[in-house]
Amino acid sequence: MHKADCVNAINSEPERKVTVSWDTENKDNYNATIQIIAYDHVGLLGELATYLSDMNVPINAVTAKVAPKNKTTNLSLVVQTQGVEQLDKIIRQLQKRSDVIEVFRGA
């Protein structure tokens, strides 16, 4: 998988390209993975869970790995979202937190 602006994708063979898009008509929920790198502290996971719950975003799975050397935690959250617009909003809201270093969509 490549992003649209990836040099390898741009220069690849045209017959190997596949056009994709989000289904904007379907109102079903989708699972999406969000990667969060945050400053580690007691209660971080609970605070993030409450934060997402306040946005009516269910969490389906969590994986967390603490890096004691730099006092950060790398979290992978699988959340239910109604589409790319809601997912982008979730990411923007998480980026506003002072304890969050980076947030991005996971694979």
Protein backbone atom coordinates (compact mmCIF):
# COMPACT_ATOMS: atom_id res chain seq x y z
CA MET A 1 0.00 0.00 0.00
CA HIS A 2 1.28 3.47 -0.88
CA LYS A 3 0.08 7.00 -0.26
CA ALA A 4 -1.05 8.95 -3.32
CA ASP A 5 2.05 11.18 -3.17
CA CYS A 6 4.53 8.28 -2.83
CA VAL A 7 7.28 8.51 -5.46
CA ASN A 8 7.23 4.74 -5.96
CA ALA A 9 3.46 4.76 -6.55
CA ILE A 10 3.63 7.74 -8.91
CA ASN A 11 6.36 6.10 -11.00
CA SER A 12 4.85 2.60 -10.98
CA GLU A 13 3.22 0.81 -13.87
CA PRO A 14 -0.26 2.30 -14.53
CA GLU A 15 -1.91 -1.11 -14.91
CA ARG A 16 -0.88 -1.96 -11.33
CA LYS A 17 -2.70 1.03 -9.82
CA VAL A 18 -6.06 0.57 -8.11
CA THR A 19 -8.36 3.48 -7.34
CA VAL A 20 -9.90 3.33 -3.85
CA SER A 21 -12.22 5.55 -1.85
CA TRP A 22 -14.27 5.57 1.34
CA ASP A 23 -17.89 4.44 1.06
CA THR A 24 -19.70 7.69 1.92
CA GLU A 25 -23.18 6.23 1.40
CA ASN A 26 -22.87 3.39 3.90
CA LYS A 27 -23.49 4.44 7.52
CA ASP A 28 -21.90 1.32 9.01
CA ASN A 29 -19.05 1.52 11.46
CA TYR A 30 -15.51 0.58 10.47
CA ASN A 31 -12.55 -0.47 12.56
CA ALA A 32 -9.60 1.87 12.27
CA THR A 33 -6.22 1.71 13.98
CA ILE A 34 -4.78 4.83 15.60
CA GLN A 35 -1.18 4.99 16.78
CA ILE A 36 -0.53 7.33 19.71
CA ILE A 37 2.85 8.26 21.14
CA ALA A 38 2.39 10.01 24.47
CA TYR A 39 4.28 10.94 27.61
CA ASP A 40 3.82 8.02 30.00
CA HIS A 41 2.07 8.68 33.29
CA VAL A 42 -0.24 6.88 35.69
CA GLY A 43 -3.77 6.88 34.31
CA LEU A 44 -2.82 7.66 30.68
CA LEU A 45 -4.78 4.77 29.20
CA GLY A 46 -7.83 5.51 31.34
CA GLU A 47 -7.74 9.20 30.42
CA LEU A 48 -7.53 8.39 26.70
CA ALA A 49 -10.36 5.86 27.01
CA THR A 50 -12.54 8.45 28.75
CA TYR A 51 -11.57 11.09 26.19
CA LEU A 52 -12.64 8.82 23.32
CA SER A 53 -15.78 7.75 25.18
CA ASP A 54 -16.75 11.42 25.54
CA MET A 55 -16.55 11.61 21.72
CA ASN A 56 -18.78 8.49 21.47
CA VAL A 57 -15.92 6.48 19.95
CA PRO A 58 -15.87 2.81 20.99
CA ILE A 59 -12.46 1.16 21.50
CA ASN A 60 -12.29 -2.44 20.27
CA ALA A 61 -8.65 -3.26 21.05
CA VAL A 62 -5.61 -1.75 22.76
CA THR A 63 -1.92 -2.55 22.63
CA ALA A 64 0.52 -0.50 24.69
CA LYS A 65 4.28 -0.56 24.98
CA VAL A 66 6.11 1.63 27.49
CA ALA A 67 9.56 3.00 26.68
CA PRO A 68 10.95 3.74 30.17
CA LYS A 69 14.15 5.24 28.74
CA ASN A 70 12.36 8.24 27.21
CA LYS A 71 9.26 8.00 29.44
CA THR A 72 6.81 7.55 26.58
CA THR A 73 4.12 5.03 25.70
CA ASN A 74 3.29 3.81 22.21
CA LEU A 75 -0.39 2.89 22.04
CA SER A 76 -2.22 1.19 19.22
CA LEU A 77 -5.99 1.60 19.46
CA VAL A 78 -8.58 -0.04 17.24
CA VAL A 79 -11.61 2.24 17.30
CA GLN A 80 -15.00 2.14 15.61
CA THR A 81 -15.51 5.03 13.24
CA GLN A 82 -18.20 6.02 10.77
CA GLY A 83 -15.64 6.99 8.14
CA VAL A 84 -12.60 9.02 7.30
CA GLU A 85 -14.10 12.35 8.41
CA GLN A 86 -14.78 11.09 11.92
CA LEU A 87 -11.37 9.40 12.04
CA ASP A 88 -9.65 12.65 11.06
CA LYS A 89 -11.62 14.49 13.76
CA ILE A 90 -10.58 11.93 16.38
CA ILE A 91 -6.93 12.32 15.40
CA ARG A 92 -7.15 16.15 15.49
CA GLN A 93 -8.74 16.06 18.96
CA LEU A 94 -6.10 13.68 20.31
CA GLN A 95 -3.32 15.89 18.91
CA LYS A 96 -4.60 18.77 21.08
CA ARG A 97 -3.77 16.92 24.31
CA SER A 98 -0.64 18.16 26.05
CA ASP A 99 0.50 14.62 26.91
CA VAL A 100 0.24 13.40 23.30
CA ILE A 101 3.40 13.69 21.22
CA GLU A 102 2.14 12.21 17.95
CA VAL A 103 -1.01 10.60 16.55
CA PHE A 104 -1.39 8.90 13.19
CA ARG A 105 -3.40 6.22 11.42
CA GLY A 106 -2.01 2.74 11.88
CA ALA A 107 -1.72 -0.05 9.41
